[in-house]
Amino acid sequence: MSSGLRDIWVYLSASPLLHLTLTLLAYVLGDWLYERSGRLPLFNPVLIAVLVLVALLSITGTDYATYFEGAQFVHFLLGPATVALAVPLYRQFDKVRHSALALGVSLAAGSLTAMLTAVAVAAALGADRDTLISLAPKSVTAPVAMGITEKLGGLPSLTAVLVIMTGVLGAVLGSWIFSLLRIKDPRAQGFALGVTSHGIGTARALQLGELAGAFSALAMGLNALATALLLPLLYRLVS
């Protein structure tokens, strides 16, 4: 970057609105590419936005703390957005209630599988203790996952990265996996996305339909609760 452009960037980066604006523009670009591609999962707007922002921060030499000072308003909106997921869940409550037993079994299986398979593969590859702890809650929404990791002595920052990667991969690959396995029931699709890919997966599920979105929102909340209860218990048993 030339000295003139660097001086301009230093001046603009002092404004907290800059990084908020860049975040919104990156997502708008991702959404535009997603629509232009015919909604191919590979062009997931969150994935595109993350790649664009990482490139911009790397090119300009901006550290994450500086970026977050401006973009934290988007982080704040995660709370209201999560609460808003109760709306499709309320509308589909009768269907959820009639599937209670199947959902309970699926939640237990999905939550344990998400934790144990990730830790087992990482342990086989020689990952250390801190990495294993940080990896275990990767399928839980970020605030809960980071809290669990911190309590168990892991690395919350690593968990945050793993959570985002898990969510994006689930949103990108979920539809293809459903097609491959011939899973057509929107309830199963939504619940699977919510258990494995938390909020980003739920956003994808809402694109599949309100019914899938409702089951995904339920799965995301229940999996956060299940992991918060089960993971510390499993940790005590093996430590």
Foldseek 3Di string as FASTA:
>chain_A
DDPVVLVVCVVVLVDLQPLLVLLVVQLVVLVVVCVVVVNALVSQSVVSSVVVVVVVCVVNVPDPVSSCSNNVVVVVCVVVVLVVLVVLLVVCVVVCVVCVVVLVVCLVVLLCCQQVVQLVVCVVVPDDPQVSLLRRPLQAPLVLSLVSSVVVVHDSVSNNVSNQVQQSCCSNCLVVVCVVVVPDDLLVSLLNQLSRNNPSSLVSSVVVHSNSNNNSSVNNVVSSVVCSPVVVVVVVVVD
